[in-house]
Protein backbone atom coordinates (compact mmCIF):
# COMPACT_ATOMS: atom_id res chain seq x y z
CA MET A 1 63.85 63.27 93.28
CA SER A 2 66.74 63.90 95.64
CA GLU A 3 66.14 64.28 99.35
CA THR A 4 67.31 67.39 101.15
CA GLU A 5 70.62 66.68 102.83
CA LEU A 6 71.28 69.79 104.83
CA VAL A 7 69.82 73.05 106.12
CA LEU A 8 72.22 75.80 107.17
CA ARG A 9 70.61 78.39 109.40
CA SER A 10 71.84 81.79 110.57
CA THR A 11 70.40 85.07 111.74
CA ARG A 12 72.74 86.72 109.22
CA VAL A 13 72.95 85.23 105.73
CA VAL A 14 74.55 87.38 103.02
CA THR A 15 72.40 87.02 99.89
CA PRO A 16 72.26 89.06 96.66
CA GLU A 17 69.23 90.87 98.13
CA GLY A 18 71.07 91.76 101.32
CA THR A 19 71.83 90.24 104.71
CA ARG A 20 68.91 88.59 106.44
CA ALA A 21 67.97 85.74 108.75
CA ALA A 22 67.47 82.63 106.63
CA SER A 23 67.64 78.89 106.28
CA VAL A 24 69.61 77.68 103.27
CA VAL A 25 68.48 74.32 101.91
CA VAL A 26 71.14 72.14 100.28
CA THR A 27 70.44 69.20 97.99
CA ASP A 28 73.04 67.26 96.01
CA GLY A 29 75.70 69.88 96.68
CA LYS A 30 73.56 72.74 95.34
CA ILE A 31 71.53 75.44 97.02
CA ALA A 32 67.93 74.32 96.56
CA ALA A 33 66.19 77.18 98.39
CA VAL A 34 66.74 80.15 100.67
CA LEU A 35 63.86 80.13 103.15
CA PRO A 36 62.82 82.24 106.12
CA HIS A 37 64.89 81.58 109.22
CA ASP A 38 62.04 79.90 111.07
CA ALA A 39 60.83 77.77 108.14
CA GLU A 40 60.09 74.18 109.05
CA PRO A 41 63.04 72.10 107.78
CA PRO A 42 62.38 69.08 105.58
CA ALA A 43 62.12 65.89 107.61
CA THR A 44 65.14 64.36 105.89
CA ALA A 45 67.48 67.28 106.55
CA ARG A 46 70.39 67.63 108.92
CA ILE A 47 70.36 71.10 110.49
CA GLU A 48 73.41 73.23 111.19
CA ASP A 49 72.50 76.34 113.17
CA PHE A 50 75.22 79.01 113.25
CA GLY A 51 73.37 81.38 115.53
CA ASP A 52 74.56 84.94 114.91
CA ASP A 53 77.70 83.95 112.99
CA VAL A 54 77.43 85.15 109.39
CA LEU A 55 76.88 82.73 106.52
CA LEU A 56 78.73 83.97 103.43
CA PRO A 57 79.16 82.45 100.00
CA GLY A 58 82.55 80.79 99.66
CA LEU A 59 85.07 83.32 98.40
CA VAL A 60 86.50 83.14 94.87
CA ASP A 61 90.17 84.08 94.43
CA THR A 62 91.15 84.43 90.78
CA HIS A 63 94.78 85.43 91.39
CA VAL A 64 96.86 82.73 93.10
CA HIS A 65 100.39 81.55 92.32
CA VAL A 66 100.43 77.88 93.31
CA ASN A 67 103.85 77.20 91.70
CA ASP A 68 103.13 73.51 91.16
CA PRO A 69 104.78 71.58 89.55
CA GLY A 70 108.39 72.72 89.47
CA ARG A 71 108.63 75.12 92.40
CA THR A 72 106.75 73.21 95.06
CA GLU A 73 109.28 74.33 97.66
CA TRP A 74 107.58 77.73 97.22
CA GLU A 75 104.00 76.40 97.53
CA GLY A 76 101.95 73.59 95.95
CA PHE A 77 98.34 72.58 95.41
CA TRP A 78 98.10 70.74 98.73
CA THR A 79 99.25 73.64 100.91
CA ALA A 80 97.74 76.46 98.84
CA THR A 81 94.27 74.93 98.84
CA ARG A 82 94.47 74.14 102.55
CA ALA A 83 95.31 77.80 103.21
CA ALA A 84 92.44 78.87 100.99
CA ALA A 85 89.96 76.58 102.75
CA ALA A 86 91.12 77.84 106.15
CA GLY A 87 90.47 81.39 104.94
CA GLY A 88 86.94 80.82 103.64
CA ILE A 89 87.93 80.51 99.95
CA THR A 90 86.22 77.70 98.06
CA THR A 91 87.42 78.42 94.50
CA LEU A 92 90.74 79.66 93.17
CA VAL A 93 92.21 80.16 89.71
CA ASP A 94 95.91 79.37 89.40
CA MET A 95 98.29 81.69 87.58
CA PRO A 96 100.27 80.28 84.63
CA LEU A 97 103.76 81.23 85.80
CA ASN A 98 106.21 80.26 88.55
CA SER A 99 105.36 76.62 87.86
CA LEU A 100 107.59 74.54 85.62
CA PRO A 101 106.40 74.18 82.97
CA PRO A 102 104.38 77.40 82.72
CA THR A 103 100.80 77.02 81.46
CA THR A 104 101.55 78.27 77.94
CA THR A 105 100.49 75.23 75.90
CA ALA A 106 97.64 72.73 76.15
CA ALA A 107 100.18 70.00 76.94
CA HIS A 108 101.54 72.04 79.84
CA LEU A 109 97.97 72.54 81.08
CA ASP A 110 97.49 68.76 81.02
CA THR A 111 100.65 68.38 83.10
CA LYS A 112 99.44 70.86 85.69
CA ARG A 113 95.99 69.28 85.92
CA GLU A 114 97.49 65.83 86.43
CA VAL A 115 99.64 67.13 89.27
CA ALA A 116 96.75 69.00 90.89
CA ARG A 117 93.99 66.42 90.58
CA SER A 118 94.50 64.51 93.85
CA LYS A 119 95.72 67.47 95.92
CA VAL A 120 93.01 70.14 95.81
CA HIS A 121 90.96 70.83 98.92
CA ILE A 122 88.83 73.38 97.06
CA ASP A 123 87.77 73.85 93.43
CA VAL A 124 90.60 75.01 91.16
CA GLY A 125 90.70 76.47 87.65
CA PHE A 126 93.60 77.62 85.52
CA TRP A 127 94.73 80.67 83.57
CA GLY A 128 96.77 80.24 80.40
CA GLY A 129 99.80 82.35 79.58
CA ALA A 130 100.52 84.67 76.64
CA ILE A 131 104.25 84.93 75.99
CA PRO A 132 106.35 85.75 72.92
CA GLY A 133 105.89 83.12 70.22
CA ASN A 134 102.85 81.27 71.55
CA VAL A 135 99.99 82.96 69.67
CA LYS A 136 99.37 79.59 67.97
CA ASP A 137 98.84 78.00 71.39
CA LEU A 138 96.20 80.41 72.64
CA ARG A 139 93.15 78.94 70.90
CA PRO A 140 94.04 75.35 71.91
CA LEU A 141 94.40 76.50 75.52
CA HIS A 142 91.05 78.28 75.30
CA ASP A 143 89.43 75.15 73.88
CA ALA A 144 91.01 73.12 76.70
CA GLY A 145 89.18 75.22 79.28
CA VAL A 146 91.51 77.91 80.66
CA PHE A 147 89.66 80.94 81.97
CA GLY A 148 91.74 83.44 80.02
CA PHE A 149 95.36 84.44 79.44
CA LYS A 150 97.88 86.32 81.53
CA CYS A 151 100.67 88.45 80.12
CA PHE A 152 103.32 90.80 81.45
CA LEU A 153 104.29 94.10 79.88
CA SER A 154 107.52 94.20 81.94
CA PRO A 155 109.82 91.40 83.17
CA SER A 156 107.96 88.76 85.16
CA GLY A 157 110.82 87.73 87.40
CA VAL A 158 111.18 84.25 85.86
CA ASP A 159 112.97 83.58 82.59
CA GLU A 160 110.48 81.04 81.25
CA PHE A 161 107.66 83.61 81.19
CA PRO A 162 108.92 86.64 79.20
CA GLN A 163 106.98 89.86 78.79
CA LEU A 164 105.22 90.95 75.61
CA ASP A 165 106.31 94.04 73.71
CA GLN A 166 103.65 96.22 72.12
CA GLU A 167 103.64 94.36 68.80
CA GLN A 168 103.40 91.00 70.55
CA LEU A 169 100.66 92.32 72.84
CA ALA A 170 98.62 93.43 69.83
CA ALA A 171 99.06 90.04 68.15
CA ALA A 172 98.05 88.11 71.26
CA LEU A 173 95.09 90.34 72.05
CA GLY A 174 93.90 90.20 68.45
CA GLU A 175 93.97 86.40 68.55
CA ILE A 176 92.20 86.27 71.92
CA ALA A 177 89.56 88.78 70.83
CA GLY A 178 88.83 86.54 67.84
CA PHE A 179 87.33 83.91 70.15
CA ASP A 180 86.08 86.45 72.76
CA GLY A 181 88.63 85.35 75.32
CA LEU A 182 89.94 87.41 78.23
CA LEU A 183 93.45 88.85 78.55
CA ILE A 184 94.57 89.66 82.09
CA VAL A 185 97.53 92.01 82.26
CA HIS A 186 100.37 92.84 84.63
CA ALA A 187 100.41 96.47 83.56
CA GLU A 188 103.72 98.21 84.25
CA ASP A 189 105.47 100.02 81.41
CA PRO A 190 109.10 98.84 81.03
CA GLY A 191 110.31 102.22 79.78
CA HIS A 192 109.32 103.92 83.02
CA LEU A 193 110.85 101.11 85.05
CA ASP A 194 114.13 101.34 83.13
CA ALA A 195 114.27 105.10 83.68
CA ALA A 196 113.55 104.88 87.42
CA PRO A 197 116.26 104.50 90.05
CA GLU A 198 117.33 100.89 90.42
CA ALA A 199 116.00 99.14 93.51
CA HIS A 200 118.75 98.27 95.97
CA GLY A 201 119.36 97.89 99.66
CA PRO A 202 117.05 97.70 102.65
CA LYS A 203 115.17 101.02 102.40
CA TYR A 204 111.56 100.65 101.28
CA ALA A 205 111.49 104.23 99.98
CA ASP A 206 114.20 103.33 97.46
CA PHE A 207 112.22 100.32 96.26
CA LEU A 208 109.03 102.39 95.96
CA ALA A 209 110.87 104.94 93.82
CA SER A 210 111.91 102.14 91.45
CA ARG A 211 108.25 101.31 90.59
CA PRO A 212 106.69 104.73 89.83
CA ARG A 213 102.96 105.21 89.42
CA ALA A 214 103.56 106.42 85.87
CA SER A 215 104.61 102.91 84.87
CA GLU A 216 101.16 101.62 85.76
CA ASN A 217 99.28 104.63 84.46
CA ASP A 218 100.86 104.58 80.99
CA ALA A 219 100.64 100.80 80.64
CA ILE A 220 96.94 100.91 81.49
CA ALA A 221 96.33 103.81 79.10
CA GLY A 222 97.95 101.83 76.28
CA LEU A 223 95.96 98.72 77.15
CA ILE A 224 92.71 100.69 77.08
CA SER A 225 93.54 102.07 73.63
CA LEU A 226 94.31 98.63 72.26
CA ALA A 227 91.23 97.04 73.82
CA LYS A 228 89.09 99.76 72.28
CA LEU A 229 90.72 99.29 68.86
CA LEU A 230 90.28 95.50 68.88
CA ASP A 231 86.97 95.41 70.79
CA ALA A 232 88.71 93.03 73.17
CA ARG A 233 88.10 91.98 76.76
CA VAL A 234 90.90 92.96 79.15
CA HIS A 235 91.44 92.86 82.89
CA VAL A 236 93.97 94.89 84.87
CA LEU A 237 95.71 92.83 87.52
CA HIS A 238 96.65 94.08 91.02
CA LEU A 239 95.99 97.80 90.54
CA SER A 240 98.24 99.76 92.85
CA SER A 241 98.31 103.29 91.37
CA SER A 242 95.15 105.23 92.16
CA ASP A 243 96.20 107.74 89.50
CA ALA A 244 94.89 105.30 86.89
CA LEU A 245 91.34 105.32 88.26
CA PRO A 246 90.06 108.25 86.15
CA LEU A 247 91.41 106.55 82.99
CA ILE A 248 89.66 103.33 83.88
CA ALA A 249 86.39 105.03 84.82
CA ALA A 250 86.38 106.94 81.54
CA ALA A 251 87.07 103.77 79.57
CA LYS A 252 84.22 101.95 81.27
CA GLY A 253 81.97 104.91 80.52
CA GLU A 254 82.88 104.63 76.84
CA GLY A 255 82.00 100.93 76.79
CA VAL A 256 85.54 99.55 76.74
CA LYS A 257 85.45 95.93 77.96
CA ILE A 258 87.76 96.44 80.92
CA THR A 259 87.64 95.14 84.47
CA VAL A 260 90.04 95.80 87.33
CA GLU A 261 91.17 94.11 90.51
CA THR A 262 93.14 95.24 93.52
CA CYS A 263 94.55 93.27 96.44
CA PRO A 264 94.31 93.16 100.24
CA HIS A 265 97.86 94.42 100.71
CA PHE A 266 97.17 97.60 98.73
CA LEU A 267 94.04 98.24 100.80
CA THR A 268 95.40 97.43 104.27
CA LEU A 269 99.16 98.16 104.25
CA THR A 270 100.92 101.44 103.49
CA ALA A 271 104.39 102.45 102.37
CA GLU A 272 104.81 104.63 105.44
CA GLU A 273 104.67 101.65 107.78
CA VAL A 274 107.03 99.23 105.97
CA PRO A 275 110.19 98.76 108.06
CA ASP A 276 113.55 98.83 106.34
CA GLY A 277 114.64 95.36 105.30
CA ALA A 278 111.12 93.92 105.67
CA THR A 279 110.89 92.34 102.22
CA GLU A 280 107.82 90.32 103.19
CA PHE A 281 106.13 93.58 102.12
CA LYS A 282 107.75 93.58 98.65
CA CYS A 283 105.50 93.12 95.63
CA CYS A 284 105.27 94.52 92.12
CA PRO A 285 103.58 96.91 91.63
CA PRO A 286 104.31 98.08 95.16
CA ILE A 287 102.38 98.98 98.27
CA ARG A 288 102.00 102.75 98.03
CA GLU A 289 101.21 105.64 100.36
CA ALA A 290 98.17 106.04 102.62
CA ALA A 291 96.61 108.72 100.40
CA ASN A 292 96.84 106.34 97.45
CA GLN A 293 95.16 103.65 99.53
CA ASN A 294 92.27 105.96 100.37
CA ALA A 295 91.70 106.57 96.67
CA LEU A 296 91.69 102.83 95.95
CA TRP A 297 88.93 102.36 98.53
CA GLN A 298 86.97 105.10 96.80
CA GLY A 299 87.49 103.26 93.51
CA LEU A 300 85.95 100.16 95.06
CA ALA A 301 83.05 102.12 96.49
CA ASP A 302 82.16 103.75 93.16
CA GLY A 303 82.61 100.57 91.09
CA THR A 304 85.71 101.59 89.13
CA ILE A 305 87.53 98.65 90.75
CA ASP A 306 85.55 95.44 90.36
CA CYS A 307 87.06 92.95 92.76
CA ILE A 308 89.62 92.10 95.44
CA VAL A 309 91.85 89.03 95.03
CA SER A 310 94.97 87.92 96.86
CA ASP A 311 97.84 87.78 94.35
CA HIS A 312 99.25 85.19 96.77
CA SER A 313 102.82 84.86 95.50
CA PRO A 314 104.96 82.98 98.02
CA SER A 315 108.58 81.93 98.00
CA THR A 316 111.09 80.26 100.26
CA ALA A 317 112.53 82.30 103.12
CA ASP A 318 115.99 82.51 101.57
CA LEU A 319 114.54 84.50 98.64
CA LYS A 320 113.25 87.14 101.05
CA SER A 321 116.59 88.72 101.90
CA ALA A 322 116.73 92.19 103.45
CA ASP A 323 117.69 93.73 100.09
CA PHE A 324 114.59 95.08 98.32
CA GLY A 325 116.45 94.94 95.01
CA ALA A 326 117.33 91.27 95.28
CA ALA A 327 114.40 89.81 97.24
CA TRP A 328 111.55 87.94 95.59
CA GLY A 329 108.54 90.17 95.03
CA GLY A 330 105.38 88.58 96.33
CA ILE A 331 103.09 88.72 99.36
CA SER A 332 101.66 85.63 101.03
CA SER A 333 98.11 86.28 102.20
CA LEU A 334 95.82 83.55 100.88
CA GLN A 335 94.44 82.56 104.28
CA LEU A 336 94.17 86.14 105.55
CA GLY A 337 92.44 88.09 102.80
CA LEU A 338 88.94 87.95 104.28
CA PRO A 339 89.83 89.12 107.81
CA ALA A 340 92.34 91.68 106.50
CA ILE A 341 89.76 93.26 104.20
CA TRP A 342 86.93 93.01 106.71
CA THR A 343 89.07 94.73 109.37
CA ALA A 344 89.73 97.68 107.05
CA ALA A 345 86.28 97.71 105.44
CA ARG A 346 84.37 97.93 108.72
CA GLU A 347 86.52 100.90 109.79
CA ARG A 348 85.53 102.67 106.56
CA GLY A 349 81.81 102.02 106.95
CA HIS A 350 81.50 99.13 104.52
CA THR A 351 79.44 96.01 105.19
CA LEU A 352 79.94 92.31 104.67
CA ASP A 353 77.60 92.64 101.70
CA ASP A 354 80.28 94.84 100.10
CA VAL A 355 83.05 92.39 100.98
CA VAL A 356 81.10 89.50 99.46
CA ARG A 357 80.50 91.49 96.28
CA TRP A 358 84.20 92.28 95.96
CA MET A 359 85.64 88.91 97.02
CA ALA A 360 83.06 86.35 95.87
CA THR A 361 80.43 87.59 93.43
CA ALA A 362 82.60 89.81 91.22
CA PRO A 363 85.56 87.40 90.88
CA ALA A 364 83.14 84.59 90.01
CA ALA A 365 81.55 86.79 87.36
CA LEU A 366 84.97 87.74 85.98
CA VAL A 367 85.68 84.12 85.06
CA GLY A 368 82.11 83.18 84.17
CA LEU A 369 81.52 80.85 87.11
CA GLY A 370 77.79 81.40 87.43
CA GLN A 371 77.53 78.54 89.92
CA LYS A 372 79.83 80.29 92.40
CA GLY A 373 79.94 83.51 94.39
CA ALA A 374 76.44 83.97 95.84
CA ILE A 375 73.89 82.34 98.11
CA GLU A 376 70.90 81.78 95.87
CA PRO A 377 69.09 78.75 94.46
CA GLY A 378 70.94 76.84 91.76
CA ARG A 379 74.44 77.82 92.85
CA ASP A 380 76.97 75.48 94.41
CA ALA A 381 76.56 75.08 98.16
CA ASP A 382 79.90 76.73 98.91
CA PHE A 383 79.99 78.72 102.15
CA ALA A 384 82.16 80.38 104.74
CA VAL A 385 80.93 80.92 108.28
CA LEU A 386 82.41 84.05 109.84
CA ALA A 387 82.44 85.44 113.36
CA PRO A 388 82.83 89.07 112.25
CA ASP A 389 83.29 90.67 115.66
CA GLU A 390 85.91 88.26 116.98
CA THR A 391 89.58 89.10 116.63
CA PHE A 392 92.79 87.11 116.37
CA THR A 393 96.46 87.97 116.11
CA VAL A 394 98.26 86.61 113.06
CA ASP A 395 100.78 83.92 113.96
CA PRO A 396 102.69 82.92 110.82
CA GLN A 397 103.33 79.44 112.20
CA ALA A 398 99.58 78.81 112.37
CA LEU A 399 99.07 79.50 108.67
CA GLU A 400 98.57 76.67 106.22
CA HIS A 401 100.67 77.95 103.30
CA ARG A 402 104.03 76.22 102.93
CA ASN A 403 106.47 78.99 103.88
CA LYS A 404 105.46 80.78 107.07
CA ILE A 405 106.14 84.29 105.82
CA THR A 406 103.54 87.05 105.75
CA ALA A 407 103.39 90.82 105.91
CA TYR A 408 100.48 90.46 108.37
CA ALA A 409 102.53 88.82 111.14
CA GLY A 410 101.53 90.16 114.55
CA ARG A 411 98.52 92.11 113.31
CA THR A 412 95.21 91.84 115.09
CA LEU A 413 92.38 91.28 112.63
CA TYR A 414 88.61 91.07 112.86
CA GLY A 415 86.79 88.05 111.44
CA VAL A 416 87.37 84.46 112.50
CA VAL A 417 86.45 81.82 109.92
CA ARG A 418 84.48 79.22 111.87
CA SER A 419 84.02 76.78 109.00
CA THR A 420 84.18 76.39 105.24
CA TRP A 421 81.85 74.28 103.08
CA LEU A 422 82.31 72.99 99.54
CA ARG A 423 79.20 71.72 97.74
CA GLY A 424 77.53 71.06 101.08
CA ARG A 425 80.50 69.29 102.69
CA LYS A 426 82.36 70.81 105.63
CA ILE A 427 86.01 71.01 104.58
CA ASN A 428 87.24 73.20 107.44
CA ASP A 429 85.81 73.19 110.95
CA GLY A 430 88.02 75.97 112.23
CA ALA A 431 90.55 73.55 113.69
CA THR A 432 91.08 70.75 111.18
CA LEU A 433 90.84 70.41 107.41
CA ALA A 434 89.21 67.52 105.58
CA GLU A 435 90.93 65.39 102.97
CA PRO A 436 90.87 66.86 99.44
CA VAL A 437 87.44 66.88 97.77
CA GLY A 438 87.99 69.76 95.36
CA ARG A 439 87.39 69.55 91.62
CA LEU A 440 89.29 70.92 88.67
CA LEU A 441 87.19 73.50 86.84
CA GLU A 442 87.05 74.46 83.18
CA ARG A 443 85.82 77.70 81.66
CA PRO A 444 82.11 77.50 80.86
CA GLN A 445 81.70 77.08 77.11
CA SER A 446 79.41 80.10 76.93
CA ILE A 447 82.26 82.52 77.68
């Protein structure tokens, strides 16, 4: 029988039953028990007492573009996972594009895993990609342990990862449904995008007009219809248009197997405040108006939106020119998601229990990682320690991701991450990061 290694104690521990004072017992990297705060610790245990700082489960971010190998000047496993650890994230799932090669075959997955293996500071899994012509590769990728498959319905921004047309989408989703896999979808309709004014110049209003809400709404409506027809599992990535919420709620009510995410930038930034030329705010679909943001928060509150993930999509500074038409579309926020969301959530009357549900428990459930996302016996001893009432001002140069560009520069946020723990080991003490001890994860065979 293993001896207890560690007891983590706080007056505020966020558990599935609510926030309470507790002592969390850790043995062999797993949570062995959650005991009353004043419980006598086992004689063999080392005690870490966090006082009134809040003990959260480590966050799970299922939407990260690491870009490694092939575009490591944009990011990389070393820097991305350091940024994640500094932000209280203990598990991420890497997107299949922007790396070279993209994760569209089992051989390409092997390449990515080999590159990542010695560099990950946190646990990392992988999405596969569904592109034209690779239906035959989907089952081998599934069998190799990817957590599902990403596709685009409009141009992705990189030539090696083309979008699917409707016939190709049906073929891919039919194949994936055959083994009960998950298709995650960048849902913007290309017809609406082609008909919209072309993005150009420094004015954000012109860029916003080039990505109309109707492009999201119609793409999501079509995806719902196809998922219903094929009895398939689908997930809507980075929901920006609140107009789609009634469609999604109705589909869920009818039993369609659909889940939805949104992102910190859609919940904390608004179109009205984006300065001209500030392409660090550019992403696709775009940051929309304040009224749209309010509706997204309501969608989270009523359960129509399941989770919040970063869509961290960095690039080099030269690709962020002042022209919204030409600049790379992606927001770098991996290290800042927790404080950004907590700052906005607390203003709207939400609790850290809500934030944990949206940013840890629900993303873990999306990808079937039953060992992640909550503080309860049997789960991995992955934690973030948060000082929720302390503030800091975002200094891009202090961030761990490779290119020091972020739409949050200069903002004052609530929530300082004191430390981060992976399977009972402290990997971030708030000032320094440990050497990589992360593992590469595979999809549980039961999903």
